[in-house]
Amino acid sequence: MASFSDRLKTLRKSKNATQAHMAKVLECGERHYQKIEYGEINLTQDNLIKLADFFDVSTDYLLGRTNYWIDKEGTLHTKVPVDILNLDTAELLKKLSTSE
């Protein structure tokens, strides 16, 4: 599964948000946010929740514990794990039938 850093960066880019904007969301300095995104420092529980709320994903999704989340409207979102994209069709079907 994708790491927290990878997911955070992907989500930030999907919202066209800069690192400076995200620093404002978390009420921290831009360099501090960069260290969070690069995986150099850990988040507080409060900041993890702020990020999940900002991106409308679950904390489990942000942390890489799951590849799906349910948004505030109750819509299920799924993300295909990158590691299955290189499998042939038979392997892919087997993997999908045994996944979450």
Protein backbone atom coordinates (compact mmCIF):
# COMPACT_ATOMS: atom_id res chain seq x y z
CA MET A 1 0.00 0.00 0.00
CA ALA A 2 1.01 3.59 -0.50
CA SER A 3 2.78 5.36 2.32
CA PHE A 4 1.31 8.25 4.26
CA SER A 5 3.70 10.64 2.53
CA ASP A 6 2.67 9.41 -0.93
CA ARG A 7 -1.02 9.71 -0.14
CA LEU A 8 -0.67 13.13 1.42
CA LYS A 9 1.22 14.49 -1.58
CA THR A 10 -1.24 12.92 -4.06
CA LEU A 11 -4.25 14.29 -2.19
CA ARG A 12 -2.68 17.75 -1.93
CA LYS A 13 -1.98 17.84 -5.66
CA SER A 14 -5.50 16.58 -6.46
CA LYS A 15 -6.85 19.68 -4.69
CA ASN A 16 -4.30 21.93 -6.44
CA ALA A 17 -3.11 23.02 -3.00
CA THR A 18 0.40 24.24 -2.37
CA GLN A 19 2.52 23.23 0.58
CA ALA A 20 2.14 26.81 1.82
CA HIS A 21 -1.65 26.46 1.75
CA MET A 22 -1.47 23.17 3.64
CA ALA A 23 0.76 24.79 6.25
CA LYS A 24 -2.00 27.34 6.82
CA VAL A 25 -4.58 24.54 7.13
CA LEU A 26 -2.45 22.92 9.85
CA GLU A 27 -1.48 26.28 11.36
CA CYS A 28 2.23 25.57 11.06
CA GLY A 29 5.19 26.84 9.07
CA GLU A 30 5.72 25.78 5.48
CA ARG A 31 8.99 23.99 6.30
CA HIS A 32 7.24 22.08 9.09
CA TYR A 33 4.53 20.96 6.65
CA GLN A 34 7.21 19.90 4.14
CA LYS A 35 8.77 17.70 6.80
CA ILE A 36 5.36 16.11 7.42
CA GLU A 37 4.86 15.45 3.70
CA TYR A 38 8.39 14.04 3.34
CA GLY A 39 7.83 11.71 6.29
CA GLU A 40 10.52 13.34 8.41
CA ILE A 41 8.23 14.10 11.35
CA ASN A 42 5.02 12.61 12.68
CA LEU A 43 1.67 14.33 12.95
CA THR A 44 -0.31 14.99 16.05
CA GLN A 45 -3.70 13.30 16.25
CA ASP A 46 -5.39 16.69 15.83
CA ASN A 47 -3.48 17.43 12.63
CA LEU A 48 -4.19 13.98 11.23
CA ILE A 49 -7.89 14.62 11.75
CA LYS A 50 -7.60 18.10 10.17
CA LEU A 51 -6.03 16.56 7.07
CA ALA A 52 -8.64 13.81 6.85
CA ASP A 53 -11.40 16.39 7.13
CA PHE A 54 -9.75 18.71 4.61
CA PHE A 55 -9.39 15.93 2.01
CA ASP A 56 -12.68 14.23 2.99
CA VAL A 57 -11.00 10.85 3.52
CA SER A 58 -10.65 8.59 6.53
CA THR A 59 -7.61 8.64 8.77
CA ASP A 60 -7.14 4.95 7.91
CA TYR A 61 -6.90 5.87 4.23
CA LEU A 62 -4.35 8.60 4.97
CA LEU A 63 -2.28 6.20 7.06
CA GLY A 64 -2.32 3.54 4.34
CA ARG A 65 -4.36 1.07 6.38
CA THR A 66 -7.04 0.80 3.70
CA ASN A 67 -7.50 1.56 0.02
CA TYR A 68 -11.05 2.85 0.35
CA TRP A 69 -12.97 5.47 2.30
CA ILE A 70 -16.52 6.73 2.69
CA ASP A 71 -16.96 10.47 2.31
CA LYS A 72 -19.29 12.69 4.33
CA GLU A 73 -22.13 12.04 1.87
CA GLY A 74 -21.77 8.27 2.35
CA THR A 75 -20.19 7.57 -1.05
CA LEU A 76 -17.70 4.71 -1.16
CA HIS A 77 -14.43 5.58 -2.90
CA THR A 78 -11.89 2.97 -3.90
CA LYS A 79 -8.37 3.22 -5.14
CA VAL A 80 -6.74 0.39 -7.05
CA PRO A 81 -3.43 -0.51 -5.45
CA VAL A 82 -0.54 0.28 -7.81
CA ASP A 83 1.01 -3.17 -7.28
CA ILE A 84 -1.81 -4.93 -9.15
CA LEU A 85 -1.38 -2.89 -12.32
CA ASN A 86 1.56 -5.02 -13.45
CA LEU A 87 -0.19 -8.39 -13.07
CA ASP A 88 -1.52 -10.43 -15.97
CA THR A 89 -5.30 -10.91 -16.21
CA ALA A 90 -5.47 -14.24 -14.35
CA GLU A 91 -3.35 -12.98 -11.49
CA LEU A 92 -5.33 -9.74 -11.39
CA LEU A 93 -8.68 -11.55 -11.15
CA LYS A 94 -7.36 -13.80 -8.39
CA LYS A 95 -5.98 -10.84 -6.44
CA LEU A 96 -9.20 -8.83 -6.82
CA SER A 97 -11.35 -11.74 -5.70
CA THR A 98 -9.37 -12.08 -2.48
CA SER A 99 -8.91 -8.37 -1.70
CA GLU A 100 -10.97 -6.13 0.57
